[in-house]
Amino acid sequence: MTDTASGLETERALALDATRLGHLLREPSRWPSHWTEPGFGFEVERFRRHVATFRNLRSLATAYGWDVFRLTRQHIERDHPSPIRVAYALRALEIQEDATGPSWPALIR
């Protein structure tokens, strides 16, 4: 696989995470129970501080590739992402909407 193909694959995986998260956030009845656990929310916010520095989807996808995609390639299709995947997906949605969203606990109330 070339670097370009790998980059496109990573961008696609991040886009899928963002799309899934966007759909799930609109349907509270489908939220995984662990989303409301304080530890999960703490980890999401910790990773969100890290990814907040990325200003475009390309740089975010590159970091996602290093932090998430290459380490968990076999788990990209999982329905309930880890806190770091949620943080990256939230940042992707923020970049697309050109807005910063509320904290994780506020989103899931």
Protein backbone atom coordinates (compact mmCIF):
# COMPACT_ATOMS: atom_id res chain seq x y z
CA MET A 1 0.00 0.00 0.00
CA THR A 2 1.32 3.44 -0.88
CA ASP A 3 1.41 6.34 1.54
CA THR A 4 -1.36 8.04 -0.46
CA ALA A 5 -3.61 4.97 -0.23
CA SER A 6 -2.84 4.63 3.46
CA GLY A 7 -3.67 8.31 4.00
CA LEU A 8 -6.98 7.96 2.18
CA GLU A 9 -7.81 4.84 4.19
CA THR A 10 -7.07 6.71 7.41
CA GLU A 11 -9.18 9.70 6.34
CA ARG A 12 -12.02 7.33 5.48
CA ALA A 13 -11.81 5.61 8.88
CA LEU A 14 -11.91 8.97 10.68
CA ALA A 15 -14.84 10.09 8.54
CA LEU A 16 -16.70 6.87 9.39
CA ASP A 17 -16.08 7.41 13.10
CA ALA A 18 -17.34 11.01 12.83
CA THR A 19 -20.43 9.97 10.87
CA ARG A 20 -21.28 7.19 13.31
CA LEU A 21 -20.79 9.47 16.29
CA GLY A 22 -22.92 12.19 14.72
CA HIS A 23 -25.75 9.70 14.18
CA LEU A 24 -25.43 8.25 17.67
CA LEU A 25 -25.46 11.66 19.34
CA ARG A 26 -28.84 12.35 17.73
CA GLU A 27 -30.30 9.08 19.08
CA PRO A 28 -29.86 8.92 22.88
CA SER A 29 -31.69 5.60 23.04
CA ARG A 30 -28.75 4.00 21.18
CA TRP A 31 -26.00 5.46 23.39
CA PRO A 32 -23.68 2.86 24.89
CA SER A 33 -24.06 2.76 28.67
CA HIS A 34 -20.35 3.43 29.23
CA TRP A 35 -20.70 6.86 27.63
CA THR A 36 -22.16 8.24 30.87
CA GLU A 37 -19.43 6.84 33.10
CA PRO A 38 -17.26 9.62 34.58
CA GLY A 39 -14.03 7.84 33.63
CA PHE A 40 -15.06 7.62 29.99
CA GLY A 41 -15.97 11.31 29.93
CA PHE A 42 -12.67 12.23 31.59
CA GLU A 43 -10.72 10.32 28.94
CA VAL A 44 -12.71 11.84 26.08
CA GLU A 45 -12.00 15.34 27.39
CA ARG A 46 -8.32 14.52 27.95
CA PHE A 47 -7.94 13.42 24.34
CA ARG A 48 -10.03 16.35 23.10
CA ARG A 49 -7.49 18.75 24.57
CA HIS A 50 -4.83 16.94 22.56
CA VAL A 51 -6.73 17.00 19.25
CA ALA A 52 -8.02 20.57 19.66
CA THR A 53 -4.76 21.82 18.17
CA PHE A 54 -5.59 20.35 14.76
CA ARG A 55 -7.24 22.90 12.48
CA ASN A 56 -7.99 20.83 9.36
CA LEU A 57 -9.15 17.33 8.57
CA ARG A 58 -5.96 16.32 6.82
CA SER A 59 -3.73 17.00 9.84
CA LEU A 60 -6.33 15.47 12.15
CA ALA A 61 -6.45 12.33 10.00
CA THR A 62 -2.66 12.08 10.04
CA ALA A 63 -2.64 12.18 13.85
CA TYR A 64 -5.57 9.75 13.95
CA GLY A 65 -3.50 7.40 11.85
CA TRP A 66 -0.71 7.43 14.41
CA ASP A 67 -2.82 7.45 17.56
CA VAL A 68 -5.68 5.20 16.56
CA PHE A 69 -5.80 3.69 13.13
CA ARG A 70 -2.49 1.89 12.89
CA LEU A 71 -2.83 0.51 16.40
CA THR A 72 -6.39 -0.73 16.09
CA ARG A 73 -6.94 -1.31 12.36
CA GLN A 74 -8.91 -4.49 13.06
CA HIS A 75 -11.27 -2.61 15.40
CA ILE A 76 -12.17 0.35 13.17
CA GLU A 77 -15.58 -1.11 12.40
CA ARG A 78 -16.55 -1.51 16.06
CA ASP A 79 -19.82 0.13 17.04
CA HIS A 80 -18.65 1.59 20.35
CA PRO A 81 -15.40 3.47 19.95
CA SER A 82 -12.85 4.14 22.65
CA PRO A 83 -12.54 7.59 24.26
CA ILE A 84 -9.71 8.53 21.91
CA ARG A 85 -11.77 7.62 18.85
CA VAL A 86 -14.71 9.62 20.23
CA ALA A 87 -12.41 12.62 20.76
CA TYR A 88 -11.08 12.42 17.21
CA ALA A 89 -14.58 12.00 15.79
CA LEU A 90 -15.82 15.01 17.77
CA ARG A 91 -12.93 17.12 16.50
CA ALA A 92 -13.64 16.04 12.92
CA LEU A 93 -17.26 17.14 13.36
CA GLU A 94 -16.11 20.46 14.85
CA ILE A 95 -13.78 21.11 11.92
CA GLN A 96 -16.54 20.29 9.43
CA GLU A 97 -18.96 22.62 11.22
CA ASP A 98 -16.31 25.28 11.93
CA ALA A 99 -17.40 25.36 15.56
CA THR A 100 -16.24 24.04 18.91
CA GLY A 101 -18.73 21.77 20.62
CA PRO A 102 -19.56 21.48 24.30
CA SER A 103 -17.76 19.16 26.67
CA TRP A 104 -18.53 15.46 26.49
CA PRO A 105 -20.61 15.42 29.70
CA ALA A 106 -22.74 18.28 28.34
CA LEU A 107 -23.26 16.45 25.05
CA ILE A 108 -24.66 13.33 26.67
CA ARG A 109 -27.01 14.87 29.20
